[in-house]
């Protein structure tokens, strides 16, 4: 539906126009009236006027002036002029300003109807053009915003060999309007985080990954519009670079660039990281290039923070005899945990000197070591998941195979948990007493699970599992209960302020303390103090 405005200083002329046409038949839902330019401008400010019928000659400003104002502010409005005499100069100026038509007074019904109908059609045409333009602008903005996402998904499909043929690649590039061609050449660089200096929680890990990706985008892609960083896992990425001329200088430049990136990651993100530079090729060849980089990565189990070139070749692994662990099992059964750890360290350290060490050697060692631990756990009549916990999670097992150093860390962790379970199984009650006493002694401090674990010489994961099993509560739940219990006592027996009490029970944030207190007690601290004192 459309809205129409009649502008004329003569009241009878306005009424004549109003009565001349069945407006509803022309899809006009509302007819507004103004008797001068000022009134007309006010109506434009309050209503979306689609068609304006305006007298050219008015005492408080001409229709030409109004049309000029409308053209600057309301581009979708169509205008029709009324005049008492045929004046070519008026008609010429009206047409120049974009008036749809002009009609001589007195208005003829059929002529007015025909001109307004033409105006409705013109407005409808403008609306469609405006919507089409707005949609084009919206999708252009959306494409620009999501270009990186579309590019990354495209390359993920290529590396996974889902879009491998040149024809399929060409079709996908055209359909997604991506700024590359199927005949373009690229150079893949595999970026692998070998280890983080500190154990990161989920949130910190995501922040570090985001920062690392930004650094790679800035230092390796270096603003290349056709370049793309592809996330494979949280520890592995592929930088796709437009291929340059293969010269010795270009290779040296690549090495310098990757070394600078590695040094920055060492310094700012505190992680060990290596780059594996592939060979250039067209898009349909990238999956094979990527696979060679993965093979190169898996052949590097000893060197950290290094730049490798696939053109230098993959070293053939020396044959390595996997150690038999029957003797180690006997050591465990006799309680000689430290001896087993020392022997495992000696063997794994010897692997660091093996040229072209293959991941299969590490996998065989891990399988035999796990079999030995399971045999020992069965001998003790324990449950494997209670003893080893996260050490046998798929993610941990996969991470342990990235290098000899990672496997050594995993062996130590698994042995620590086994040792601690053995000690804890024989002395459960005193252990729980020590843990609870430590928590109560430090209820006014922000102690962590790691602090408690260090106090009782246990692995944090094992501590959590054992505490939950013995008390039915998590360590965090127990600490909250203890703090709230002490806070309740202080609220009733002292005149300390609530903020002072919050500090006394380990909460530096008053608002957070009040929130936790209300969750546990079902009333805020002030309400609790008032209710308990009224009972005394």
Protein backbone atom coordinates (compact mmCIF):
# COMPACT_ATOMS: atom_id res chain seq x y z
CA UNK A 1 0.00 0.00 0.00
CA UNK A 2 1.03 3.61 -0.62
CA UNK A 3 0.61 7.04 1.01
CA UNK A 4 -0.20 10.22 -0.93
CA UNK A 5 0.15 13.92 -0.04
CA UNK A 6 -1.92 16.75 -1.60
CA UNK A 7 -0.34 20.21 -1.24
CA UNK A 8 -2.43 23.25 -2.25
CA UNK A 9 -3.25 26.55 -0.54
CA UNK A 10 -6.80 26.47 -2.00
CA UNK A 11 -9.08 24.35 0.20
CA UNK A 12 -11.68 23.72 -2.52
CA UNK A 13 -8.93 22.54 -4.91
CA UNK A 14 -7.72 20.05 -2.30
CA UNK A 15 -11.24 18.72 -1.76
CA UNK A 16 -11.75 18.38 -5.51
CA UNK A 17 -8.62 16.23 -5.83
CA UNK A 18 -9.59 14.16 -2.76
CA UNK A 19 -13.01 13.39 -4.26
CA UNK A 20 -11.86 12.82 -7.83
CA UNK A 21 -10.43 9.30 -7.42
CA UNK A 22 -11.18 6.05 -5.59
CA UNK A 23 -7.80 5.95 -3.84
CA UNK A 24 -8.18 2.44 -2.43
CA UNK A 25 -8.59 1.13 -5.96
CA UNK A 26 -5.11 2.52 -6.73
CA UNK A 27 -3.62 0.92 -3.56
CA UNK A 28 -3.46 4.31 -1.80
CA UNK A 29 -4.11 3.55 1.87
CA UNK A 30 -3.85 7.10 3.23
CA UNK A 31 -4.25 10.63 1.78
CA UNK A 32 -2.56 13.51 3.66
CA UNK A 33 -3.29 17.21 3.13
CA UNK A 34 -1.04 20.28 3.49
CA UNK A 35 -1.83 23.91 2.60
CA UNK A 36 1.74 25.23 2.46
CA UNK A 37 5.35 24.10 2.18
CA UNK A 38 5.97 24.12 5.94
CA UNK A 39 3.01 21.80 6.61
CA UNK A 40 4.13 19.52 3.78
CA UNK A 41 7.66 19.26 5.18
CA UNK A 42 6.21 18.37 8.58
CA UNK A 43 4.14 15.54 7.08
CA UNK A 44 7.21 14.22 5.25
CA UNK A 45 8.97 14.10 8.61
CA UNK A 46 6.23 11.93 10.15
CA UNK A 47 5.02 9.73 7.28
CA UNK A 48 6.58 7.85 4.34
CA UNK A 49 5.06 9.74 1.41
CA UNK A 50 5.15 7.81 -1.86
CA UNK A 51 3.32 10.25 -4.17
CA UNK A 52 2.96 14.04 -3.85
CA UNK A 53 0.38 16.08 -5.81
CA UNK A 54 1.44 19.71 -5.44
CA UNK A 55 0.25 23.09 -6.74
CA UNK A 56 3.08 24.95 -8.44
CA UNK A 57 2.01 28.47 -7.37
CA UNK A 58 1.40 29.04 -3.64
CA UNK A 59 1.79 32.27 -1.64
CA UNK A 60 4.14 30.84 1.05
CA UNK A 61 6.54 29.13 -1.34
CA UNK A 62 6.22 27.51 -4.75
CA UNK A 63 5.81 23.84 -5.54
CA UNK A 64 9.14 23.99 -7.38
CA UNK A 65 10.90 24.87 -4.09
CA UNK A 66 9.12 22.00 -2.32
CA UNK A 67 10.03 19.55 -5.08
CA UNK A 68 13.69 20.61 -4.85
CA UNK A 69 13.62 19.96 -1.09
CA UNK A 70 11.93 16.57 -1.56
CA UNK A 71 14.45 15.50 -4.18
CA UNK A 72 17.30 16.05 -1.70
CA UNK A 73 15.71 14.02 1.11
CA UNK A 74 13.10 11.60 -0.21
CA UNK A 75 14.39 9.98 -3.38
CA UNK A 76 11.63 7.37 -3.60
CA UNK A 77 8.80 9.95 -3.71
CA UNK A 78 7.11 10.64 -7.07
CA UNK A 79 5.72 14.17 -7.64
CA UNK A 80 2.82 15.42 -9.79
CA UNK A 81 2.23 19.18 -10.30
CA UNK A 82 -1.03 21.09 -10.53
CA UNK A 83 -1.22 24.46 -12.31
CA UNK A 84 -3.96 26.85 -13.43
CA UNK A 85 -2.37 27.60 -16.80
CA UNK A 86 -0.03 25.93 -19.22
CA UNK A 87 3.31 27.63 -18.59
CA UNK A 88 6.22 26.11 -20.47
CA UNK A 89 8.83 27.59 -18.12
CA UNK A 90 7.15 25.93 -15.10
CA UNK A 91 6.79 22.65 -16.96
CA UNK A 92 10.44 22.70 -18.03
CA UNK A 93 11.70 23.36 -14.48
CA UNK A 94 9.41 20.69 -13.03
CA UNK A 95 10.65 18.12 -15.51
CA UNK A 96 14.28 19.05 -14.82
CA UNK A 97 13.70 18.44 -11.11
CA UNK A 98 12.27 15.03 -11.86
CA UNK A 99 8.54 15.63 -11.63
CA UNK A 100 6.57 12.69 -12.95
CA UNK A 101 3.98 14.87 -14.74
CA UNK A 102 1.88 18.02 -14.37
CA UNK A 103 -1.90 18.48 -14.69
CA UNK A 104 -3.90 21.58 -15.54
CA UNK A 105 -6.66 22.76 -13.23
CA UNK A 106 -9.51 22.07 -13.02
CA UNK A 107 -8.45 18.47 -12.60
CA UNK A 108 -10.04 15.90 -14.88
CA UNK A 109 -10.89 12.69 -13.05
CA UNK A 110 -9.57 10.23 -15.68
CA UNK A 111 -6.38 12.23 -16.27
CA UNK A 112 -5.63 12.39 -12.52
CA UNK A 113 -6.33 8.70 -12.10
CA UNK A 114 -4.01 7.78 -14.99
CA UNK A 115 -1.16 9.97 -13.71
CA UNK A 116 -1.46 8.67 -10.12
CA UNK A 117 -1.53 5.09 -11.41
CA UNK A 118 1.66 5.83 -13.35
CA UNK A 119 3.10 7.24 -10.11
CA UNK A 120 2.20 4.06 -8.21
CA UNK A 121 3.92 1.94 -10.85
CA UNK A 122 6.99 4.20 -10.74
CA UNK A 123 7.17 4.03 -6.92
CA UNK A 124 6.83 0.27 -7.03
CA UNK A 125 9.65 0.08 -9.57
CA UNK A 126 11.85 2.29 -7.36
CA UNK A 127 11.08 0.14 -4.34
CA UNK A 128 12.19 -3.00 -6.13
CA UNK A 129 15.37 -1.30 -7.32
CA UNK A 130 16.07 -0.02 -3.81
CA UNK A 131 15.51 -3.47 -2.28
CA UNK A 132 17.69 -5.08 -4.94
CA UNK A 133 20.45 -2.54 -4.30
CA UNK A 134 20.18 -2.98 -0.53
CA UNK A 135 20.35 -6.76 -0.91
CA UNK A 136 23.38 -6.46 -3.16
CA UNK A 137 25.09 -4.19 -0.64
CA UNK A 138 24.16 -6.54 2.21
CA UNK A 139 25.51 -9.64 0.46
CA UNK A 140 28.62 -7.77 -0.67
CA UNK A 141 29.28 -6.77 2.94
CA UNK A 142 28.46 -10.29 4.11
CA UNK A 143 30.84 -11.79 1.56
CA UNK A 144 33.60 -9.39 2.56
CA UNK A 145 33.08 -10.24 6.23
CA UNK A 146 32.95 -13.97 5.60
CA UNK A 147 35.55 -14.16 2.82
CA UNK A 148 38.12 -15.59 5.19
CA UNK A 149 35.64 -18.23 6.42
CA UNK A 150 34.70 -19.19 2.86
CA UNK A 151 38.36 -19.37 1.86
CA UNK A 152 39.28 -21.49 4.89
CA UNK A 153 36.43 -23.94 4.24
CA UNK A 154 37.45 -24.17 0.61
CA UNK A 155 41.04 -25.04 1.53
CA UNK A 156 39.91 -27.48 4.21
CA UNK A 157 37.92 -29.32 1.55
CA UNK A 158 40.91 -29.27 -0.80
CA UNK A 159 43.29 -30.65 1.85
CA UNK A 160 40.72 -33.30 2.79
CA UNK A 161 40.48 -34.17 -0.95
CA UNK A 162 36.77 -33.35 -1.04
CA UNK A 163 37.27 -30.84 -3.90
CA UNK A 164 40.22 -32.39 -5.70
CA UNK A 165 39.55 -32.29 -9.45
CA UNK A 166 40.41 -29.11 -11.43
CA UNK A 167 36.85 -28.88 -12.82
CA UNK A 168 35.27 -29.22 -9.38
CA UNK A 169 37.70 -26.64 -8.00
CA UNK A 170 36.84 -24.20 -10.81
CA UNK A 171 33.10 -24.61 -10.17
CA UNK A 172 33.49 -24.05 -6.43
CA UNK A 173 35.67 -20.96 -6.89
CA UNK A 174 33.12 -19.43 -9.24
CA UNK A 175 30.09 -20.26 -7.08
CA UNK A 176 31.72 -18.79 -3.95
CA UNK A 177 33.25 -15.84 -5.84
CA UNK A 178 36.67 -16.47 -4.31
CA UNK A 179 39.61 -14.32 -5.53
CA UNK A 180 41.75 -17.19 -6.84
CA UNK A 181 41.81 -19.35 -9.99
CA UNK A 182 42.20 -23.08 -10.36
CA UNK A 183 45.40 -22.50 -12.36
CA UNK A 184 47.08 -20.42 -9.60
CA UNK A 185 50.04 -21.96 -7.79
CA UNK A 186 50.47 -22.00 -4.02
CA UNK A 187 53.03 -23.00 -1.42
CA UNK A 188 51.88 -24.80 1.77
CA UNK A 189 53.63 -24.33 5.13
CA UNK A 190 52.66 -26.66 7.97
CA UNK A 191 52.85 -24.97 11.40
CA UNK A 192 52.95 -27.33 14.38
CA UNK A 193 52.85 -26.37 18.07
CA UNK A 194 55.04 -29.02 19.68
CA UNK A 195 54.30 -28.08 23.29
CA UNK A 196 53.19 -25.22 25.51
CA UNK A 197 55.51 -24.21 28.36
CA UNK A 198 52.61 -24.28 30.81
CA UNK A 199 49.49 -26.39 31.09
CA UNK A 200 46.62 -24.22 29.83
CA UNK A 201 42.96 -24.35 30.75
CA UNK A 202 40.37 -24.32 27.96
CA UNK A 203 39.88 -20.55 27.96
CA UNK A 204 43.60 -19.72 28.03
CA UNK A 205 44.27 -22.27 25.31
CA UNK A 206 41.68 -20.68 23.01
CA UNK A 207 43.19 -17.24 23.63
CA UNK A 208 46.67 -18.54 22.84
CA UNK A 209 45.46 -20.26 19.67
CA UNK A 210 43.75 -17.04 18.54
CA UNK A 211 46.91 -15.02 19.24
CA UNK A 212 49.08 -17.56 17.42
CA UNK A 213 46.80 -17.50 14.36
CA UNK A 214 46.95 -13.69 14.29
CA UNK A 215 50.74 -13.84 14.48
CA UNK A 216 50.90 -16.37 11.62
CA UNK A 217 48.54 -14.24 9.55
CA UNK A 218 50.72 -11.17 10.09
CA UNK A 219 54.20 -12.71 9.88
CA UNK A 220 53.77 -15.55 7.37
CA UNK A 221 50.83 -14.58 5.15
CA UNK A 222 51.94 -10.93 5.40
CA UNK A 223 48.73 -9.45 4.03
CA UNK A 224 48.55 -11.65 0.91
CA UNK A 225 44.95 -11.37 -0.30
CA UNK A 226 45.14 -14.80 -1.92
CA UNK A 227 46.80 -16.37 1.12
CA UNK A 228 44.91 -18.28 3.80
CA UNK A 229 45.61 -19.82 7.19
CA UNK A 230 43.78 -23.13 7.68
CA UNK A 231 43.21 -24.56 11.15
CA UNK A 232 43.70 -28.34 11.24
CA UNK A 233 43.69 -28.77 15.04
CA UNK A 234 44.43 -26.47 17.97
CA UNK A 235 48.12 -27.34 17.58
CA UNK A 236 48.42 -27.60 13.80
CA UNK A 237 47.78 -25.09 10.98
CA UNK A 238 48.55 -24.79 7.29
CA UNK A 239 49.52 -21.44 5.77
CA UNK A 240 48.66 -21.35 2.05
CA UNK A 241 50.83 -18.78 0.26
CA UNK A 242 50.72 -17.65 -3.38
CA UNK A 243 53.77 -19.30 -4.96
CA UNK A 244 56.72 -17.06 -5.79
CA UNK A 245 59.64 -17.63 -8.12
CA UNK A 246 61.68 -20.59 -6.90
CA UNK A 247 65.16 -19.21 -6.32
CA UNK A 248 67.81 -19.62 -3.66
CA UNK A 249 66.98 -16.14 -2.35
CA UNK A 250 63.29 -17.05 -2.12
CA UNK A 251 64.11 -20.18 -0.11
CA UNK A 252 66.32 -18.18 2.26
CA UNK A 253 63.58 -15.58 2.64
CA UNK A 254 61.12 -18.35 3.56
CA UNK A 255 63.53 -19.72 6.14
CA UNK A 256 64.13 -16.27 7.67
CA UNK A 257 60.41 -15.59 7.79
CA UNK A 258 59.64 -18.89 9.53
CA UNK A 259 62.53 -18.50 11.99
CA UNK A 260 61.32 -15.02 12.95
CA UNK A 261 57.84 -16.41 13.51
CA UNK A 262 59.19 -19.29 15.63
CA UNK A 263 61.28 -16.91 17.76
CA UNK A 264 58.24 -14.69 18.35
CA UNK A 265 56.14 -17.70 19.40
CA UNK A 266 58.90 -18.83 21.78
CA UNK A 267 59.10 -15.38 23.33
CA UNK A 268 55.50 -14.20 23.49
CA UNK A 269 53.43 -17.39 23.58
CA UNK A 270 55.92 -19.61 25.42
CA UNK A 271 55.57 -22.59 23.13
CA UNK A 272 57.84 -24.78 21.03
CA UNK A 273 56.85 -24.66 17.39
CA UNK A 274 58.23 -25.89 14.05
CA UNK A 275 57.46 -24.99 10.44
CA UNK A 276 57.47 -27.47 7.56
CA UNK A 277 57.79 -25.79 4.16
CA UNK A 278 56.29 -27.71 1.25
CA UNK A 279 56.59 -27.54 -2.52
CA UNK A 280 54.53 -25.23 -4.68
CA UNK A 281 51.79 -26.57 -6.90
CA UNK A 282 48.33 -25.88 -8.29
CA UNK A 283 45.24 -26.19 -6.12
CA UNK A 284 44.40 -29.76 -7.15
CA UNK A 285 47.94 -30.80 -6.12
CA UNK A 286 47.74 -29.31 -2.62
CA UNK A 287 46.33 -32.42 -0.90
CA UNK A 288 49.37 -34.46 -1.97
CA UNK A 289 51.72 -31.62 -0.95
CA UNK A 290 50.01 -31.45 2.44
CA UNK A 291 50.30 -35.23 2.93
CA UNK A 292 54.07 -35.03 2.35
CA UNK A 293 54.30 -32.32 5.01
CA UNK A 294 52.46 -34.56 7.47
CA UNK A 295 54.94 -37.36 6.73
CA UNK A 296 57.80 -34.91 7.27
CA UNK A 297 56.30 -33.84 10.60
CA UNK A 298 55.90 -37.44 11.76
CA UNK A 299 59.53 -38.13 10.93
CA UNK A 300 60.59 -35.29 13.24
CA UNK A 301 60.30 -36.54 16.81
CA UNK A 302 63.50 -35.03 18.16
CA UNK A 303 63.93 -31.44 16.97
CA UNK A 304 61.97 -28.44 18.25
CA UNK A 305 61.74 -24.84 16.97
CA UNK A 306 63.14 -25.70 13.56
CA UNK A 307 62.33 -24.95 9.91
CA UNK A 308 62.14 -28.06 7.72
CA UNK A 309 61.94 -28.15 3.91
CA UNK A 310 60.25 -31.09 2.23
CA UNK A 311 62.66 -30.62 -0.68
CA UNK A 312 65.48 -31.75 1.63
CA UNK A 313 63.82 -35.15 1.82
CA UNK A 314 62.51 -37.31 4.63
CA UNK A 315 65.15 -39.25 6.51
CA UNK A 316 64.82 -43.02 6.43
CA UNK A 317 64.39 -44.28 9.97
CA UNK A 318 67.04 -46.43 11.56
CA UNK A 319 65.78 -49.73 12.88
CA UNK A 320 65.06 -49.56 16.61
CA UNK A 321 64.52 -52.51 18.90
CA UNK A 322 61.49 -51.97 21.14
CA UNK A 323 62.40 -52.78 24.71
CA UNK A 324 60.79 -55.71 26.53
CA UNK A 325 59.08 -54.63 29.74
CA UNK A 326 58.69 -57.86 31.72
CA UNK A 327 61.47 -56.73 34.06
CA UNK A 328 59.78 -53.34 34.53
CA UNK A 329 56.53 -55.08 35.51
CA UNK A 330 58.38 -57.04 38.22
CA UNK A 331 59.86 -53.76 39.47
CA UNK A 332 56.38 -52.23 39.76
CA UNK A 333 55.07 -55.26 41.64
CA UNK A 334 57.95 -54.82 44.09
CA UNK A 335 57.14 -51.10 44.51
CA UNK A 336 60.24 -49.89 42.64
CA UNK A 337 58.42 -47.06 40.80
CA UNK A 338 61.50 -44.80 40.64
CA UNK A 339 63.56 -47.57 39.05
CA UNK A 340 60.94 -48.02 36.31
CA UNK A 341 60.94 -44.28 35.66
CA UNK A 342 64.75 -44.17 35.44
CA UNK A 343 64.83 -47.10 32.99
CA UNK A 344 62.13 -45.55 30.80
CA UNK A 345 64.02 -42.22 30.75
CA UNK A 346 67.26 -43.97 29.76
CA UNK A 347 65.58 -45.80 26.88
CA UNK A 348 63.63 -42.79 25.58
CA UNK A 349 66.68 -40.52 25.79
CA UNK A 350 68.51 -42.99 23.56
CA UNK A 351 65.81 -42.49 20.91
CA UNK A 352 66.62 -38.78 20.66
CA UNK A 353 69.81 -39.66 18.78
CA UNK A 354 68.06 -41.90 16.25
CA UNK A 355 68.08 -40.36 12.76
CA UNK A 356 64.65 -40.28 11.11
CA UNK A 357 62.91 -41.73 14.15
CA UNK A 358 59.44 -42.88 13.14
CA UNK A 359 56.30 -42.27 15.17
CA UNK A 360 55.58 -46.00 14.92
CA UNK A 361 58.47 -46.66 17.32
CA UNK A 362 56.88 -44.35 19.90
CA UNK A 363 53.47 -45.93 19.34
CA UNK A 364 54.84 -49.44 19.95
CA UNK A 365 56.58 -48.25 23.13
CA UNK A 366 53.38 -46.62 24.39
CA UNK A 367 51.30 -49.74 23.69
CA UNK A 368 53.74 -51.99 25.55
CA UNK A 369 54.01 -49.52 28.43
CA UNK A 370 50.21 -49.35 28.74
CA UNK A 371 49.97 -53.15 28.65
CA UNK A 372 52.51 -53.29 31.48
CA UNK A 373 50.54 -50.75 33.56
CA UNK A 374 47.25 -52.59 32.94
CA UNK A 375 48.87 -55.86 34.04
CA UNK A 376 50.14 -54.20 37.22
CA UNK A 377 46.75 -52.58 37.92
CA UNK A 378 45.03 -55.94 37.44
CA UNK A 379 47.62 -57.54 39.76
CA UNK A 380 46.67 -54.95 42.42
CA UNK A 381 42.94 -55.46 41.72
CA UNK A 382 42.45 -51.76 41.00
CA UNK A 383 40.38 -50.08 38.27
CA UNK A 384 42.39 -48.59 35.37
CA UNK A 385 40.18 -45.51 34.95
CA UNK A 386 40.54 -44.69 38.68
CA UNK A 387 44.31 -45.04 38.57
CA UNK A 388 45.21 -43.39 35.27
CA UNK A 389 42.32 -40.98 34.67
CA UNK A 390 43.12 -38.41 31.97
CA UNK A 391 46.45 -40.09 31.16
CA UNK A 392 44.56 -42.61 29.00
CA UNK A 393 42.26 -40.03 27.38
CA UNK A 394 42.50 -40.05 23.57
CA UNK A 395 43.77 -36.45 23.44
CA UNK A 396 46.55 -37.17 25.94
CA UNK A 397 47.63 -40.33 24.11
CA UNK A 398 47.73 -38.48 20.80
CA UNK A 399 49.76 -35.62 22.27
CA UNK A 400 52.27 -38.06 23.77
CA UNK A 401 53.18 -39.32 20.29
CA UNK A 402 54.24 -35.92 18.95
CA UNK A 403 57.83 -36.25 20.16
CA UNK A 404 60.12 -38.20 22.46
CA UNK A 405 59.90 -35.39 25.03
CA UNK A 406 56.09 -35.53 24.99
CA UNK A 407 56.19 -39.29 25.48
CA UNK A 408 58.58 -38.87 28.41
CA UNK A 409 56.19 -36.38 30.03
CA UNK A 410 53.28 -38.80 29.54
CA UNK A 411 55.24 -41.73 31.06
CA UNK A 412 56.11 -39.62 34.12
CA UNK A 413 52.47 -38.54 34.53
CA UNK A 414 51.15 -42.12 34.24
CA UNK A 415 53.73 -43.44 36.73
CA UNK A 416 53.04 -40.57 39.16
CA UNK A 417 49.32 -41.32 39.16
CA UNK A 418 49.95 -45.05 39.61
CA UNK A 419 52.37 -44.41 42.49
CA UNK A 420 50.02 -42.00 44.24
CA UNK A 421 47.07 -44.32 43.87
CA UNK A 422 49.13 -47.07 45.50
CA UNK A 423 50.01 -44.90 48.47
CA UNK A 424 46.51 -43.47 48.78
CA UNK A 425 44.80 -46.88 48.58
CA UNK A 426 46.68 -48.02 51.68
CA UNK A 427 46.15 -44.81 53.70
CA UNK A 428 42.83 -43.28 52.65
CA UNK A 429 41.48 -41.88 55.92
CA UNK A 430 44.64 -40.08 57.06
CA UNK A 431 44.97 -38.68 53.53
CA UNK A 432 41.45 -37.23 53.57
CA UNK A 433 42.04 -35.83 57.05
CA UNK A 434 45.17 -34.03 55.82
CA UNK A 435 43.38 -32.61 52.79
CA UNK A 436 40.39 -31.36 54.80
CA UNK A 437 42.64 -29.91 57.51
CA UNK A 438 44.67 -28.03 54.87
CA UNK A 439 41.52 -26.58 53.31
CA UNK A 440 40.18 -25.43 56.69
CA UNK A 441 43.52 -23.90 57.69
CA UNK A 442 43.61 -21.89 54.46
CA UNK A 443 39.91 -21.06 54.12
CA UNK A 444 40.78 -17.34 54.08
CA UNK A 445 43.10 -17.77 51.09
CA UNK A 446 42.52 -18.32 47.37
CA UNK A 447 44.01 -21.82 47.32
CA UNK A 448 43.75 -24.01 44.23
CA UNK A 449 43.53 -27.73 43.56
CA UNK A 450 47.22 -27.62 42.64
CA UNK A 451 48.11 -26.07 46.03
CA UNK A 452 46.34 -28.89 47.87
CA UNK A 453 47.92 -31.53 45.60
CA UNK A 454 51.40 -30.18 46.34
CA UNK A 455 50.70 -30.25 50.09
CA UNK A 456 49.83 -33.96 50.07
CA UNK A 457 52.22 -34.93 47.23
CA UNK A 458 49.51 -36.10 44.84
CA UNK A 459 48.77 -35.53 41.18
CA UNK A 460 45.95 -32.90 40.88
CA UNK A 461 43.76 -35.19 38.72
CA UNK A 462 44.17 -38.11 41.10
CA UNK A 463 43.49 -35.83 44.08
CA UNK A 464 40.18 -34.70 42.54
CA UNK A 465 39.03 -38.25 41.77
CA UNK A 466 39.98 -39.60 45.20
CA UNK A 467 38.38 -36.69 47.09
CA UNK A 468 35.13 -37.03 45.12
CA UNK A 469 35.05 -40.78 45.72
CA UNK A 470 35.64 -40.48 49.48
CA UNK A 471 33.46 -37.43 50.27
CA UNK A 472 30.87 -37.41 47.48
CA UNK A 473 31.78 -33.77 46.78
CA UNK A 474 34.23 -32.03 44.52
CA UNK A 475 37.05 -30.04 46.12
CA UNK A 476 35.48 -26.79 44.92
CA UNK A 477 32.08 -27.71 46.42
CA UNK A 478 33.70 -28.59 49.75
CA UNK A 479 35.72 -25.35 49.84
CA UNK A 480 32.59 -23.28 49.16
CA UNK A 481 30.72 -25.08 51.97
CA UNK A 482 33.57 -24.43 54.42
CA UNK A 483 33.81 -20.76 53.50
CA UNK A 484 30.07 -20.16 53.72
CA UNK A 485 29.91 -22.03 57.05
CA UNK A 486 32.62 -19.78 58.49
CA UNK A 487 30.93 -16.68 57.02
CA UNK A 488 27.61 -17.61 58.68
CA UNK A 489 29.33 -17.91 62.04
CA UNK A 490 31.07 -14.54 61.65
CA UNK A 491 27.83 -12.83 60.59
CA UNK A 492 26.09 -13.96 63.78
CA UNK A 493 28.90 -13.69 66.34
CA UNK A 494 30.76 -10.53 65.23
CA UNK A 495 30.04 -6.95 64.20
CA UNK A 496 32.35 -7.14 61.18
CA UNK A 497 31.03 -5.68 57.93
CA UNK A 498 29.99 -8.06 55.19
CA UNK A 499 32.93 -6.97 53.01
CA UNK A 500 35.35 -7.70 55.87
CA UNK A 501 33.81 -11.14 56.36
CA UNK A 502 34.12 -11.81 52.62
CA UNK A 503 37.86 -11.16 52.85
CA UNK A 504 38.15 -13.37 55.94
CA UNK A 505 36.73 -16.35 54.06
CA UNK A 506 38.82 -15.93 50.90
CA UNK A 507 36.61 -13.75 48.67
CA UNK A 508 38.23 -10.50 47.51
CA UNK A 509 35.17 -9.63 45.40
CA UNK A 510 32.28 -8.58 47.65
CA UNK A 511 29.60 -8.95 44.94
CA UNK A 512 30.77 -12.47 44.06
CA UNK A 513 30.75 -13.45 47.75
CA UNK A 514 27.16 -12.19 48.13
CA UNK A 515 26.12 -14.11 45.02
CA UNK A 516 27.67 -17.39 46.26
CA UNK A 517 26.25 -16.87 49.76
CA UNK A 518 22.73 -16.38 48.40
CA UNK A 519 23.05 -19.48 46.20
CA UNK A 520 24.00 -21.58 49.23
CA UNK A 521 21.83 -20.04 51.98
CA UNK A 522 18.87 -18.75 49.89
CA UNK A 523 19.25 -15.23 51.33
CA UNK A 524 21.93 -12.56 51.13
CA UNK A 525 24.42 -11.99 54.01
CA UNK A 526 22.58 -8.97 55.45
CA UNK A 527 19.27 -10.84 55.50
CA UNK A 528 20.91 -13.86 57.15
CA UNK A 529 22.52 -11.72 59.88
CA UNK A 530 19.23 -9.95 60.59
CA UNK A 531 17.17 -13.17 60.70
CA UNK A 532 19.59 -15.02 63.00
CA UNK A 533 20.03 -12.14 65.41
CA UNK A 534 16.29 -11.73 65.72
CA UNK A 535 16.13 -15.37 66.87
CA UNK A 536 18.67 -14.78 69.67
